[in-house]
Amino acid sequence: MAHILIDITAAVRQGAGIGRYARELTRAILKMFPEHCYTLFYAGPARFPPTWADVPYVRLHSAPLPERGMVWLWHRLHVPIPLEAFTGPADLIYSPDFLLPPTLPGRLTLLTVHDLSFEIMPETLPEPLVAYLRRNVPRAVRRASHILADSESTRQDLVRLWGVPAERVTVLYSGVEPHFRPMEDPEQQARVRARYGLGPWPFILTVGTVQPRKNYPRLIEAFTALVREGIFPDGHLVIVGEKGWKAEGTFEAIRRSGLAERIHWLGFVADEDLPVLYSAALAFAMISRYEGFGLPALEAMACGTPVVASRTSSLPEVVGEAGVQVDPESVEDIVRGLRIVLEDPERRAALQAAGQERARPFTWEAAARRWYEVVERLWSAFGSRREGQRVS
């Protein structure tokens, strides 16, 4: 039995994206490997309380300062107070969110790097955030015993841009939760539509934080063309995602389209409602300029929704031949991809079936098994697996 420490700050603080990754992967690890004891450390306040961690072999440990305070202490001031000073020792420390706290010398550490957008597209992020990440993420990568990347694309970015030895990086794909499945009950769809102010009309759906990398202005331009040209005359566009940085361009594009009444920004949507929205959509569009993985495209496929996605970065790994791939820099090509789904019922049905088949192997249980394989290799290679005492 070993003692594993996981930083779940992202899991309790962030709704989508990395927050979901940290929650679901941690949940699966705890469920599948109960022979170990775990300390789950987080800096609050907890927006999503970790009720999923209420099992006997898990101890929750909150930080002495809120999240902002711990960031300043560890990653801005670089005060070398080790994490173990707050939590006690552990056989392995895992951080699922880019950064590692200070640790005692010789401690085995595992780190997830989701993407290198701040290196590849720094103009899409606020300058202070780019500077912060460029200062701290490479530092964490150098210190980590091993690195997990969300995709082969991100793994190659780490090798190409930072010279990280390929053998130090393992690809660990995200999973899809079981409740992401086709939800075709008309009454259920009507309730969720009413909850978010959506009428009975057909719509294209996109999911992701509103920020430049998501490329929403081009999607809005493509949607406008579909309506103006009579291809999608009664259609609407639904955007799900919290407002991020540099979001003004997206909202300006909505105003400039002349179709603001048909473009609906819902903000954050509860997890239980997402499968219904995916299932109700005629098409799902993820035409990001860069993604470390692109989980919403996978969720849409699991729900039987045909996907139009960028042929850049990691998205071809996720979508494969089960979706329509387009050039995210070309509005004309985005229109082409959406037309395939909207105008060809046979192709749409084929994409629905292929998408569900494609999504099936991507489970959080498979991700947890992959995670544990890496952990066991680390313990074996470093000879650091120590029998511990179950935490009471």
Protein backbone atom coordinates (compact mmCIF):
# COMPACT_ATOMS: atom_id res chain seq x y z
CA MET A 1 0.00 0.00 0.00
CA ALA A 2 1.34 3.40 -0.98
CA HIS A 3 0.39 6.94 -0.08
CA ILE A 4 -0.58 9.05 -3.12
CA LEU A 5 -1.12 12.80 -2.93
CA ILE A 6 -3.20 14.52 -5.63
CA ASP A 7 -3.65 18.28 -6.00
CA ILE A 8 -7.37 18.65 -6.78
CA THR A 9 -7.49 22.46 -6.75
CA ALA A 10 -8.60 22.57 -10.39
CA ALA A 11 -11.25 19.93 -9.67
CA VAL A 12 -12.93 22.01 -6.98
CA ARG A 13 -12.36 25.43 -8.56
CA GLN A 14 -13.01 25.00 -12.30
CA GLY A 15 -16.23 23.83 -13.93
CA ALA A 16 -15.19 22.63 -17.37
CA GLY A 17 -11.92 21.86 -19.14
CA ILE A 18 -9.13 21.10 -16.72
CA GLY A 19 -11.58 21.08 -13.81
CA ARG A 20 -13.55 18.24 -15.37
CA TYR A 21 -10.34 16.39 -16.28
CA ALA A 22 -9.07 16.60 -12.69
CA ARG A 23 -12.42 15.58 -11.18
CA GLU A 24 -13.15 12.64 -13.42
CA LEU A 25 -9.63 11.23 -13.55
CA THR A 26 -9.27 11.48 -9.76
CA ARG A 27 -12.71 9.91 -9.27
CA ALA A 28 -11.74 6.97 -11.50
CA ILE A 29 -8.35 6.51 -9.79
CA LEU A 30 -9.97 6.38 -6.34
CA LYS A 31 -12.57 3.90 -7.52
CA MET A 32 -10.22 1.57 -9.37
CA PHE A 33 -7.24 1.49 -7.02
CA PRO A 34 -8.60 1.42 -3.44
CA GLU A 35 -5.61 -0.60 -2.20
CA HIS A 36 -3.71 2.66 -1.65
CA CYS A 37 -4.40 5.60 0.61
CA TYR A 38 -4.83 9.10 -0.81
CA THR A 39 -4.53 12.67 0.33
CA LEU A 40 -6.45 15.13 -1.82
CA PHE A 41 -5.04 18.61 -1.37
CA TYR A 42 -6.83 21.74 -2.57
CA ALA A 43 -6.73 25.49 -2.26
CA GLY A 44 -10.27 26.82 -1.98
CA PRO A 45 -12.81 28.09 -1.74
CA ALA A 46 -14.35 25.01 -3.31
CA ARG A 47 -16.80 25.89 -6.06
CA PHE A 48 -17.43 22.17 -6.66
CA PRO A 49 -17.10 20.45 -3.26
CA PRO A 50 -15.33 17.07 -3.53
CA THR A 51 -18.21 14.92 -2.34
CA TRP A 52 -17.05 12.30 -4.87
CA ALA A 53 -14.01 11.69 -2.65
CA ASP A 54 -16.00 10.61 0.41
CA VAL A 55 -14.43 7.17 0.86
CA PRO A 56 -12.56 5.72 3.87
CA TYR A 57 -9.10 5.58 2.28
CA VAL A 58 -9.14 9.27 1.28
CA ARG A 59 -8.20 12.27 3.37
CA LEU A 60 -9.09 15.78 2.26
CA HIS A 61 -6.63 18.52 3.14
CA SER A 62 -7.37 22.17 2.41
CA ALA A 63 -4.56 24.68 1.95
CA PRO A 64 -3.80 27.27 4.65
CA LEU A 65 -4.44 30.04 2.10
CA PRO A 66 -7.02 30.46 -0.68
CA GLU A 67 -5.99 29.57 -4.23
CA ARG A 68 -4.71 33.06 -5.06
CA GLY A 69 -2.60 33.08 -1.91
CA MET A 70 -1.03 29.70 -2.67
CA VAL A 71 -0.27 30.83 -6.23
CA TRP A 72 1.53 33.88 -4.90
CA LEU A 73 3.38 31.88 -2.27
CA TRP A 74 4.59 29.07 -4.55
CA HIS A 75 4.58 30.32 -8.12
CA ARG A 76 5.13 34.08 -7.95
CA LEU A 77 7.25 34.56 -4.84
CA HIS A 78 8.70 31.02 -5.14
CA VAL A 79 8.75 30.51 -1.38
CA PRO A 80 10.19 26.96 -1.05
CA ILE A 81 7.77 25.66 1.58
CA PRO A 82 7.20 22.05 0.48
CA LEU A 83 3.70 20.72 0.01
CA GLU A 84 4.48 17.99 2.53
CA ALA A 85 4.78 20.63 5.26
CA PHE A 86 0.98 20.90 5.03
CA THR A 87 0.02 17.33 4.12
CA GLY A 88 2.70 15.02 5.46
CA PRO A 89 4.87 12.73 3.26
CA ALA A 90 3.67 10.77 0.27
CA ASP A 91 5.10 8.15 -2.08
CA LEU A 92 3.92 10.05 -5.14
CA ILE A 93 2.62 13.57 -5.76
CA TYR A 94 0.41 14.17 -8.80
CA SER A 95 -0.59 17.55 -10.21
CA PRO A 96 -3.20 17.49 -13.03
CA ASP A 97 -2.90 21.20 -13.83
CA PHE A 98 0.40 22.35 -15.37
CA LEU A 99 2.24 23.35 -12.16
CA LEU A 100 4.02 21.56 -9.34
CA PRO A 101 4.23 22.92 -5.79
CA PRO A 102 7.58 22.75 -4.00
CA THR A 103 8.25 19.26 -2.65
CA LEU A 104 10.85 17.58 -0.49
CA PRO A 105 14.02 16.51 -2.34
CA GLY A 106 13.80 13.19 -4.15
CA ARG A 107 10.01 13.04 -4.14
CA LEU A 108 8.40 11.26 -7.10
CA THR A 109 6.17 13.68 -8.99
CA LEU A 110 3.80 13.30 -11.91
CA LEU A 111 2.54 16.30 -13.89
CA THR A 112 -0.11 16.78 -16.58
CA VAL A 113 0.55 19.40 -19.27
CA HIS A 114 -2.65 19.93 -21.24
CA ASP A 115 -1.38 22.15 -24.05
CA LEU A 116 1.22 24.75 -24.96
CA SER A 117 -1.14 27.41 -26.27
CA PHE A 118 0.80 30.08 -24.40
CA GLU A 119 3.86 29.21 -26.51
CA ILE A 120 2.15 28.49 -29.82
CA MET A 121 -0.51 31.23 -29.78
CA PRO A 122 0.53 33.70 -27.07
CA GLU A 123 -1.47 36.48 -28.74
CA THR A 124 -4.69 34.69 -27.73
CA LEU A 125 -3.96 35.04 -24.00
CA PRO A 126 -3.41 38.04 -21.71
CA GLU A 127 0.26 39.05 -21.63
CA PRO A 128 0.60 38.66 -17.82
CA LEU A 129 -0.78 35.11 -18.04
CA VAL A 130 1.63 34.22 -20.87
CA ALA A 131 4.55 35.54 -18.82
CA TYR A 132 3.39 33.61 -15.73
CA LEU A 133 3.00 30.32 -17.62
CA ARG A 134 6.26 30.70 -19.53
CA ARG A 135 8.05 31.22 -16.25
CA ASN A 136 6.43 28.44 -14.25
CA VAL A 137 5.35 25.59 -16.55
CA PRO A 138 8.86 24.86 -17.92
CA ARG A 139 10.10 24.91 -14.33
CA ALA A 140 7.47 22.30 -13.38
CA VAL A 141 8.31 20.19 -16.44
CA ARG A 142 11.99 20.16 -15.51
CA ARG A 143 11.20 19.11 -11.93
CA ALA A 144 8.61 16.43 -12.70
CA SER A 145 9.67 12.80 -12.57
CA HIS A 146 7.35 12.18 -15.52
CA ILE A 147 4.88 14.17 -17.64
CA LEU A 148 1.46 13.28 -18.97
CA ALA A 149 0.25 14.97 -22.16
CA ASP A 150 -3.39 15.13 -23.24
CA SER A 151 -2.55 14.09 -26.81
CA GLU A 152 0.25 13.06 -29.12
CA SER A 153 0.04 16.60 -30.50
CA THR A 154 0.83 18.08 -27.08
CA ARG A 155 3.56 15.48 -26.53
CA GLN A 156 5.20 16.51 -29.78
CA ASP A 157 4.90 20.17 -28.82
CA LEU A 158 6.79 19.47 -25.58
CA VAL A 159 9.52 17.63 -27.45
CA ARG A 160 9.76 20.14 -30.31
CA LEU A 161 9.48 23.42 -28.42
CA TRP A 162 11.19 22.64 -25.12
CA GLY A 163 13.42 19.72 -25.98
CA VAL A 164 11.77 17.42 -23.44
CA PRO A 165 13.04 13.86 -24.01
CA ALA A 166 10.26 11.88 -25.64
CA GLU A 167 10.60 9.06 -23.11
CA ARG A 168 9.71 11.48 -20.29
CA VAL A 169 6.24 12.13 -21.74
CA THR A 170 3.29 9.72 -21.91
CA VAL A 171 0.04 10.44 -23.74
CA LEU A 172 -3.02 10.01 -21.54
CA TYR A 173 -6.30 10.60 -23.36
CA SER A 174 -9.31 11.99 -21.53
CA GLY A 175 -12.50 10.02 -21.11
CA VAL A 176 -16.20 10.57 -21.59
CA GLU A 177 -18.52 10.17 -18.65
CA PRO A 178 -21.26 7.52 -19.11
CA HIS A 179 -24.08 10.06 -18.99
CA PHE A 180 -22.89 11.47 -22.31
CA ARG A 181 -25.17 9.39 -24.53
CA PRO A 182 -28.06 10.12 -26.91
CA MET A 183 -30.92 11.86 -25.08
CA GLU A 184 -33.83 11.76 -27.50
CA ASP A 185 -36.82 12.10 -25.16
CA PRO A 186 -38.81 15.09 -26.53
CA GLU A 187 -40.07 16.15 -23.12
CA GLN A 188 -36.58 16.16 -21.65
CA GLN A 189 -35.26 18.17 -24.60
CA ALA A 190 -38.14 20.64 -24.25
CA ARG A 191 -37.38 21.13 -20.54
CA VAL A 192 -33.69 21.83 -21.14
CA ARG A 193 -34.46 24.14 -24.07
CA ALA A 194 -36.87 26.08 -21.87
CA ARG A 195 -34.33 26.24 -19.03
CA TYR A 196 -31.85 28.06 -21.27
CA GLY A 197 -34.33 30.13 -23.26
CA LEU A 198 -34.02 28.07 -26.44
CA GLY A 199 -37.00 27.57 -28.73
CA PRO A 200 -37.91 24.48 -30.77
CA TRP A 201 -35.79 25.55 -33.75
CA PRO A 202 -32.79 23.65 -35.17
CA PHE A 203 -29.34 24.73 -33.99
CA ILE A 204 -25.60 24.22 -34.33
CA LEU A 205 -23.86 23.81 -30.97
CA THR A 206 -20.35 24.70 -29.85
CA VAL A 207 -18.84 24.28 -26.38
CA GLY A 208 -15.78 25.96 -24.90
CA THR A 209 -14.64 29.00 -22.96
CA VAL A 210 -15.19 32.22 -24.90
CA GLN A 211 -11.65 33.24 -25.82
CA PRO A 212 -9.76 33.85 -29.08
CA ARG A 213 -8.29 30.37 -29.48
CA LYS A 214 -11.79 28.92 -29.85
CA ASN A 215 -12.21 30.86 -33.12
CA TYR A 216 -15.84 31.79 -32.49
CA PRO A 217 -15.83 34.87 -34.78
CA ARG A 218 -15.14 32.64 -37.82
CA LEU A 219 -17.79 30.16 -36.72
CA ILE A 220 -20.27 33.05 -36.37
CA GLU A 221 -19.33 34.28 -39.86
CA ALA A 222 -19.83 30.77 -41.28
CA PHE A 223 -23.19 30.42 -39.51
CA THR A 224 -24.27 33.81 -40.88
CA ALA A 225 -23.37 32.66 -44.40
CA LEU A 226 -25.42 29.48 -43.97
CA VAL A 227 -28.46 31.52 -42.98
CA ARG A 228 -28.04 34.23 -45.64
CA GLU A 229 -27.56 31.68 -48.42
CA GLY A 230 -30.70 29.77 -47.44
CA ILE A 231 -28.80 26.64 -46.42
CA PHE A 232 -29.89 26.91 -42.76
CA PRO A 233 -32.74 29.43 -43.04
CA ASP A 234 -34.41 28.73 -39.70
CA GLY A 235 -31.24 27.79 -37.85
CA HIS A 236 -29.66 29.16 -34.70
CA LEU A 237 -26.19 28.96 -33.15
CA VAL A 238 -25.75 28.06 -29.47
CA ILE A 239 -22.48 28.80 -27.65
CA VAL A 240 -21.87 27.09 -24.28
CA GLY A 241 -18.92 28.25 -22.19
CA GLU A 242 -17.90 30.74 -19.58
CA LYS A 243 -16.53 34.12 -20.59
CA GLY A 244 -12.74 33.97 -20.70
CA TRP A 245 -10.04 36.43 -21.65
CA LYS A 246 -10.14 38.64 -24.75
CA ALA A 247 -13.77 37.65 -25.32
CA GLU A 248 -14.75 41.01 -26.81
CA GLY A 249 -14.05 39.84 -30.38
CA THR A 250 -16.66 37.10 -30.09
CA PHE A 251 -19.40 39.40 -28.81
CA GLU A 252 -18.52 42.01 -31.42
CA ALA A 253 -18.84 39.31 -34.09
CA ILE A 254 -22.32 38.48 -32.77
CA ARG A 255 -23.37 42.15 -33.00
CA ARG A 256 -21.82 42.55 -36.45
CA SER A 257 -23.55 39.44 -37.83
CA GLY A 258 -26.97 41.04 -37.92
CA LEU A 259 -28.30 37.77 -36.49
CA ALA A 260 -27.81 38.43 -32.77
CA GLU A 261 -31.32 37.16 -32.02
CA ARG A 262 -30.30 33.77 -33.43
CA ILE A 263 -26.96 33.45 -31.64
CA HIS A 264 -27.32 32.35 -28.03
CA TRP A 265 -24.50 32.49 -25.49
CA LEU A 266 -25.55 30.33 -22.53
CA GLY A 267 -22.44 30.67 -20.35
CA PHE A 268 -21.70 27.71 -18.09
CA VAL A 269 -24.17 24.83 -18.43
CA ALA A 270 -24.64 22.17 -15.75
CA ASP A 271 -23.11 18.78 -16.57
CA GLU A 272 -26.48 17.04 -16.41
CA ASP A 273 -27.89 19.31 -19.14
CA LEU A 274 -25.01 19.05 -21.60
CA PRO A 275 -25.92 15.61 -23.04
CA VAL A 276 -29.43 16.88 -23.80
CA LEU A 277 -28.07 19.94 -25.61
CA TYR A 278 -25.59 17.82 -27.56
CA SER A 279 -28.37 15.42 -28.54
CA ALA A 280 -30.73 18.22 -29.57
CA ALA A 281 -28.18 19.87 -31.88
CA LEU A 282 -28.18 19.14 -35.61
CA ALA A 283 -24.40 19.54 -35.63
CA PHE A 284 -21.56 20.20 -33.22
CA ALA A 285 -18.78 22.53 -34.33
CA MET A 286 -15.33 22.73 -32.74
CA ILE A 287 -13.24 24.83 -35.06
CA SER A 288 -10.59 25.92 -32.56
CA ARG A 289 -7.27 27.14 -33.88
CA TYR A 290 -5.46 24.98 -31.30
CA GLU A 291 -6.51 22.37 -28.73
CA GLY A 292 -4.58 20.19 -26.33
CA PHE A 293 -7.31 17.55 -26.63
CA GLY A 294 -10.83 18.79 -27.45
CA LEU A 295 -13.06 16.88 -25.02
CA PRO A 296 -16.35 18.53 -26.14
CA ALA A 297 -15.96 17.00 -29.62
CA LEU A 298 -15.68 13.57 -28.01
CA GLU A 299 -18.71 14.22 -25.77
CA ALA A 300 -20.74 15.29 -28.81
CA MET A 301 -19.81 12.10 -30.68
CA ALA A 302 -20.78 10.00 -27.65
CA CYS A 303 -24.20 11.68 -27.77
CA GLY A 304 -24.64 10.80 -31.44
CA THR A 305 -24.17 14.35 -32.73
CA PRO A 306 -22.25 14.76 -36.01
CA VAL A 307 -19.06 16.74 -35.48
CA VAL A 308 -17.32 19.34 -37.62
CA ALA A 309 -13.83 19.98 -36.23
CA SER A 310 -10.56 21.65 -37.12
CA ARG A 311 -7.87 19.59 -38.78
CA THR A 312 -5.25 21.19 -36.55
CA SER A 313 -3.35 20.26 -33.37
CA SER A 314 -4.97 17.40 -31.43
CA LEU A 315 -8.46 17.42 -32.94
CA PRO A 316 -7.71 14.92 -35.75
CA GLU A 317 -6.58 12.49 -33.02
CA VAL A 318 -9.95 12.85 -31.29
CA VAL A 319 -12.27 12.99 -34.28
CA GLY A 320 -10.47 10.85 -36.85
CA GLU A 321 -12.66 9.81 -39.77
CA ALA A 322 -15.76 9.95 -37.56
CA GLY A 323 -16.16 13.70 -38.12
CA VAL A 324 -15.79 16.30 -40.85
CA GLN A 325 -12.42 18.06 -40.63
CA VAL A 326 -12.04 21.66 -41.82
CA ASP A 327 -9.47 24.44 -42.03
CA PRO A 328 -10.21 26.71 -39.03
CA GLU A 329 -8.66 29.71 -40.81
CA SER A 330 -11.11 29.46 -43.74
CA VAL A 331 -14.73 30.54 -43.28
CA GLU A 332 -15.47 29.01 -46.68
CA ASP A 333 -14.17 25.61 -45.54
CA ILE A 334 -16.10 25.80 -42.27
CA VAL A 335 -19.26 26.47 -44.31
CA ARG A 336 -18.39 23.46 -46.49
CA GLY A 337 -18.06 21.19 -43.46
CA LEU A 338 -21.31 22.33 -41.90
CA ARG A 339 -23.16 21.96 -45.21
CA ILE A 340 -22.14 18.31 -45.38
CA VAL A 341 -23.85 17.67 -42.05
CA LEU A 342 -26.88 19.90 -42.64
CA GLU A 343 -27.70 18.94 -46.24
CA ASP A 344 -26.82 15.24 -46.52
CA PRO A 345 -29.05 13.06 -44.30
CA GLU A 346 -27.19 9.87 -45.21
CA ARG A 347 -23.80 11.34 -44.38
CA ARG A 348 -25.20 12.79 -41.15
CA ALA A 349 -26.52 9.36 -40.09
CA ALA A 350 -23.18 7.75 -40.94
CA LEU A 351 -21.32 10.36 -38.90
CA GLN A 352 -23.65 9.82 -35.94
CA ALA A 353 -22.94 6.09 -35.91
CA ALA A 354 -19.21 6.51 -36.53
CA GLY A 355 -18.93 9.13 -33.79
CA GLN A 356 -20.50 6.90 -31.17
CA GLU A 357 -18.18 4.07 -32.16
CA ARG A 358 -15.18 6.40 -32.06
CA ALA A 359 -16.02 7.69 -28.59
CA ARG A 360 -16.61 4.26 -27.02
CA PRO A 361 -12.99 3.44 -26.01
CA PHE A 362 -12.43 6.86 -24.43
CA THR A 363 -13.41 6.22 -20.82
CA TRP A 364 -12.13 7.62 -17.55
CA GLU A 365 -11.53 4.05 -16.41
CA ALA A 366 -9.17 3.56 -19.37
CA ALA A 367 -7.49 6.87 -18.48
CA ALA A 368 -7.07 5.79 -14.84
CA ARG A 369 -5.53 2.47 -15.92
CA ARG A 370 -3.09 4.32 -18.13
CA TRP A 371 -2.28 6.69 -15.26
CA TYR A 372 -1.61 3.80 -12.91
CA GLU A 373 0.62 2.05 -15.45
CA VAL A 374 2.78 5.20 -15.50
CA VAL A 375 2.82 5.35 -11.69
CA GLU A 376 3.89 1.72 -11.39
CA ARG A 377 6.67 2.29 -13.93
CA LEU A 378 7.86 5.26 -11.88
CA TRP A 379 7.85 3.26 -8.66
CA SER A 380 9.74 0.45 -10.38
CA ALA A 381 12.27 2.68 -12.14
CA PHE A 382 13.04 4.89 -9.17
CA GLY A 383 12.76 2.17 -6.53
CA SER A 384 10.66 4.53 -4.43
CA ARG A 385 7.59 2.52 -3.66
CA ARG A 386 7.31 2.39 0.10
CA GLU A 387 4.78 0.61 2.19
CA GLY A 388 2.79 3.21 4.06
CA GLN A 389 0.17 3.33 6.72
CA ARG A 390 -3.49 3.82 5.81
CA VAL A 391 -4.54 7.37 6.56
CA SER A 392 -7.22 7.56 9.18
